[in-house]
Amino acid sequence: MRLLSALILVLPLNAMAAALLPGDVENGKKLHDSNSCLSCHAQMTGGRPDMLYTRADRKVTNLGELMGQVSGCNKMQKVGLDENGVNDVVKYLNESFYKFSD
């Protein structure tokens, strides 16, 4: 019974953590679509850039990894997003595709 009570308390907190993720979804979509994200992903997937986010064997499995991946792409592609921009893109990707709650 204690385990069930603990789970009931934790589940809403995880959903709240994703909702409280810093960032602006609309700006994140603009940044994602206007920088090299779509063109690079299209090259990687044969013209289907969103496939990286929706495939069954995707490499990113939680919010921390998503933040790391966006930050890494930002640096490797020399996009130049600041911390707020990275947060915006992460928020957009999470709400649109990943739906992580942790």
C-alpha atoms as a PDB file:
ATOM      1  CA  MET A   1       0.000   0.000   0.000  1.00  0.00           C
ATOM      2  CA  ARG A   2       2.882   2.395   0.759  1.00  0.00           C
ATOM      3  CA  LEU A   3       4.378   1.746  -2.668  1.00  0.00           C
ATOM      4  CA  LEU A   4       1.073   2.580  -4.334  1.00  0.00           C
ATOM      5  CA  SER A   5       0.805   5.790  -2.311  1.00  0.00           C
ATOM      6  CA  ALA A   6       4.350   6.757  -3.292  1.00  0.00           C
ATOM      7  CA  LEU A   7       3.625   6.117  -6.970  1.00  0.00           C
ATOM      8  CA  ILE A   8       0.481   8.239  -6.839  1.00  0.00           C
ATOM      9  CA  LEU A   9       2.543  11.118  -5.451  1.00  0.00           C
ATOM     10  CA  VAL A  10       5.459  10.727  -7.890  1.00  0.00           C
ATOM     11  CA  LEU A  11       3.543  10.416 -11.165  1.00  0.00           C
ATOM     12  CA  PRO A  12       1.946  13.873 -11.042  1.00  0.00           C
ATOM     13  CA  LEU A  13       5.288  15.392 -10.016  1.00  0.00           C
ATOM     14  CA  ASN A  14       6.991  13.938 -13.100  1.00  0.00           C
ATOM     15  CA  ALA A  15       4.292  15.404 -15.341  1.00  0.00           C
ATOM     16  CA  MET A  16       4.699  18.733 -13.551  1.00  0.00           C
ATOM     17  CA  ALA A  17       8.471  18.621 -14.120  1.00  0.00           C
ATOM     18  CA  ALA A  18       7.950  18.460 -17.889  1.00  0.00           C
ATOM     19  CA  ALA A  19       5.355  21.239 -17.730  1.00  0.00           C
ATOM     20  CA  LEU A  20       7.791  23.402 -15.752  1.00  0.00           C
ATOM     21  CA  LEU A  21      10.613  22.805 -18.230  1.00  0.00           C
ATOM     22  CA  PRO A  22      11.979  26.235 -19.124  1.00  0.00           C
ATOM     23  CA  GLY A  23      11.425  27.452 -22.643  1.00  0.00           C
ATOM     24  CA  ASP A  24       8.952  28.852 -25.122  1.00  0.00           C
ATOM     25  CA  VAL A  25       7.413  26.293 -27.475  1.00  0.00           C
ATOM     26  CA  GLU A  26       6.529  28.760 -30.251  1.00  0.00           C
ATOM     27  CA  ASN A  27       9.997  30.279 -30.288  1.00  0.00           C
ATOM     28  CA  GLY A  28      11.515  26.786 -30.103  1.00  0.00           C
ATOM     29  CA  LYS A  29       9.638  25.754 -33.258  1.00  0.00           C
ATOM     30  CA  LYS A  30      10.802  28.916 -35.054  1.00  0.00           C
ATOM     31  CA  LEU A  31      14.408  28.310 -34.007  1.00  0.00           C
ATOM     32  CA  HIS A  32      14.220  24.621 -34.920  1.00  0.00           C
ATOM     33  CA  ASP A  33      12.676  25.284 -38.327  1.00  0.00           C
ATOM     34  CA  SER A  34      14.825  28.293 -39.269  1.00  0.00           C
ATOM     35  CA  ASN A  35      18.236  26.900 -38.336  1.00  0.00           C
ATOM     36  CA  SER A  36      20.042  23.895 -39.754  1.00  0.00           C
ATOM     37  CA  CYS A  37      17.989  21.349 -37.755  1.00  0.00           C
ATOM     38  CA  LEU A  38      15.524  20.453 -40.509  1.00  0.00           C
ATOM     39  CA  SER A  39      18.029  20.412 -43.353  1.00  0.00           C
ATOM     40  CA  CYS A  40      20.548  18.311 -41.427  1.00  0.00           C
ATOM     41  CA  HIS A  41      17.893  15.846 -40.235  1.00  0.00           C
ATOM     42  CA  ALA A  42      16.410  15.626 -43.751  1.00  0.00           C
ATOM     43  CA  GLN A  43      19.833  14.625 -45.086  1.00  0.00           C
ATOM     44  CA  MET A  44      20.163  11.989 -42.378  1.00  0.00           C
ATOM     45  CA  THR A  45      16.719  10.461 -42.977  1.00  0.00           C
ATOM     46  CA  GLY A  46      16.190  10.706 -46.715  1.00  0.00           C
ATOM     47  CA  GLY A  47      13.959  13.769 -46.577  1.00  0.00           C
ATOM     48  CA  ARG A  48      11.946  12.964 -43.437  1.00  0.00           C
ATOM     49  CA  PRO A  49      13.469  15.152 -40.694  1.00  0.00           C
ATOM     50  CA  ASP A  50      10.817  14.402 -38.041  1.00  0.00           C
ATOM     51  CA  MET A  51      11.626  10.700 -38.317  1.00  0.00           C
ATOM     52  CA  LEU A  52      14.573  11.194 -35.945  1.00  0.00           C
ATOM     53  CA  TYR A  53      12.118  12.136 -33.209  1.00  0.00           C
ATOM     54  CA  THR A  54       9.473   9.507 -33.878  1.00  0.00           C
ATOM     55  CA  ARG A  55      11.365   6.339 -34.819  1.00  0.00           C
ATOM     56  CA  ALA A  56      11.060   3.352 -32.498  1.00  0.00           C
ATOM     57  CA  ASP A  57      14.823   3.033 -31.969  1.00  0.00           C
ATOM     58  CA  ARG A  58      15.510   6.700 -31.222  1.00  0.00           C
ATOM     59  CA  LYS A  59      18.625   7.375 -29.195  1.00  0.00           C
ATOM     60  CA  VAL A  60      17.159  10.045 -26.893  1.00  0.00           C
ATOM     61  CA  THR A  61      15.159   8.477 -24.054  1.00  0.00           C
ATOM     62  CA  ASN A  62      14.741  11.224 -21.431  1.00  0.00           C
ATOM     63  CA  LEU A  63      14.817  15.004 -20.928  1.00  0.00           C
ATOM     64  CA  GLY A  64      18.472  15.069 -19.915  1.00  0.00           C
ATOM     65  CA  GLU A  65      19.503  13.286 -23.088  1.00  0.00           C
ATOM     66  CA  LEU A  66      17.278  15.572 -25.163  1.00  0.00           C
ATOM     67  CA  MET A  67      18.922  18.635 -23.624  1.00  0.00           C
ATOM     68  CA  GLY A  68      22.348  17.131 -24.291  1.00  0.00           C
ATOM     69  CA  GLN A  69      21.484  16.292 -27.900  1.00  0.00           C
ATOM     70  CA  VAL A  70      20.132  19.767 -28.682  1.00  0.00           C
ATOM     71  CA  SER A  71      23.139  21.384 -26.982  1.00  0.00           C
ATOM     72  CA  GLY A  72      25.503  19.120 -28.913  1.00  0.00           C
ATOM     73  CA  CYS A  73      23.854  19.862 -32.258  1.00  0.00           C
ATOM     74  CA  ASN A  74      23.937  23.569 -31.432  1.00  0.00           C
ATOM     75  CA  LYS A  75      27.706  23.391 -30.909  1.00  0.00           C
ATOM     76  CA  MET A  76      28.560  20.994 -33.745  1.00  0.00           C
ATOM     77  CA  GLN A  77      26.511  22.873 -36.323  1.00  0.00           C
ATOM     78  CA  LYS A  78      27.633  26.257 -34.930  1.00  0.00           C
ATOM     79  CA  VAL A  79      24.008  27.422 -34.746  1.00  0.00           C
ATOM     80  CA  GLY A  80      24.789  29.935 -32.004  1.00  0.00           C
ATOM     81  CA  LEU A  81      21.755  29.464 -29.782  1.00  0.00           C
ATOM     82  CA  ASP A  82      22.118  30.816 -26.275  1.00  0.00           C
ATOM     83  CA  GLU A  83      20.837  28.909 -23.231  1.00  0.00           C
ATOM     84  CA  ASN A  84      17.317  30.300 -23.680  1.00  0.00           C
ATOM     85  CA  GLY A  85      17.274  29.245 -27.336  1.00  0.00           C
ATOM     86  CA  VAL A  86      18.378  25.725 -26.469  1.00  0.00           C
ATOM     87  CA  ASN A  87      15.677  25.556 -23.773  1.00  0.00           C
ATOM     88  CA  ASP A  88      13.088  26.748 -26.288  1.00  0.00           C
ATOM     89  CA  VAL A  89      14.037  24.055 -28.818  1.00  0.00           C
ATOM     90  CA  VAL A  90      14.057  21.357 -26.117  1.00  0.00           C
ATOM     91  CA  LYS A  91      10.616  22.446 -24.911  1.00  0.00           C
ATOM     92  CA  TYR A  92       9.278  22.437 -28.489  1.00  0.00           C
ATOM     93  CA  LEU A  93      10.691  18.985 -29.256  1.00  0.00           C
ATOM     94  CA  ASN A  94       9.487  17.519 -25.984  1.00  0.00           C
ATOM     95  CA  GLU A  95       5.943  18.853 -26.296  1.00  0.00           C
ATOM     96  CA  SER A  96       5.670  18.043 -30.000  1.00  0.00           C
ATOM     97  CA  PHE A  97       7.367  14.651 -30.208  1.00  0.00           C
ATOM     98  CA  TYR A  98       8.981  13.114 -27.141  1.00  0.00           C
ATOM     99  CA  LYS A  99       6.493  13.784 -24.334  1.00  0.00           C
ATOM    100  CA  PHE A 100       9.033  12.989 -21.612  1.00  0.00           C
ATOM    101  CA  SER A 101       7.901  13.634 -18.069  1.00  0.00           C
ATOM    102  CA  ASP A 102      11.167  13.112 -16.193  1.00  0.00           C
END
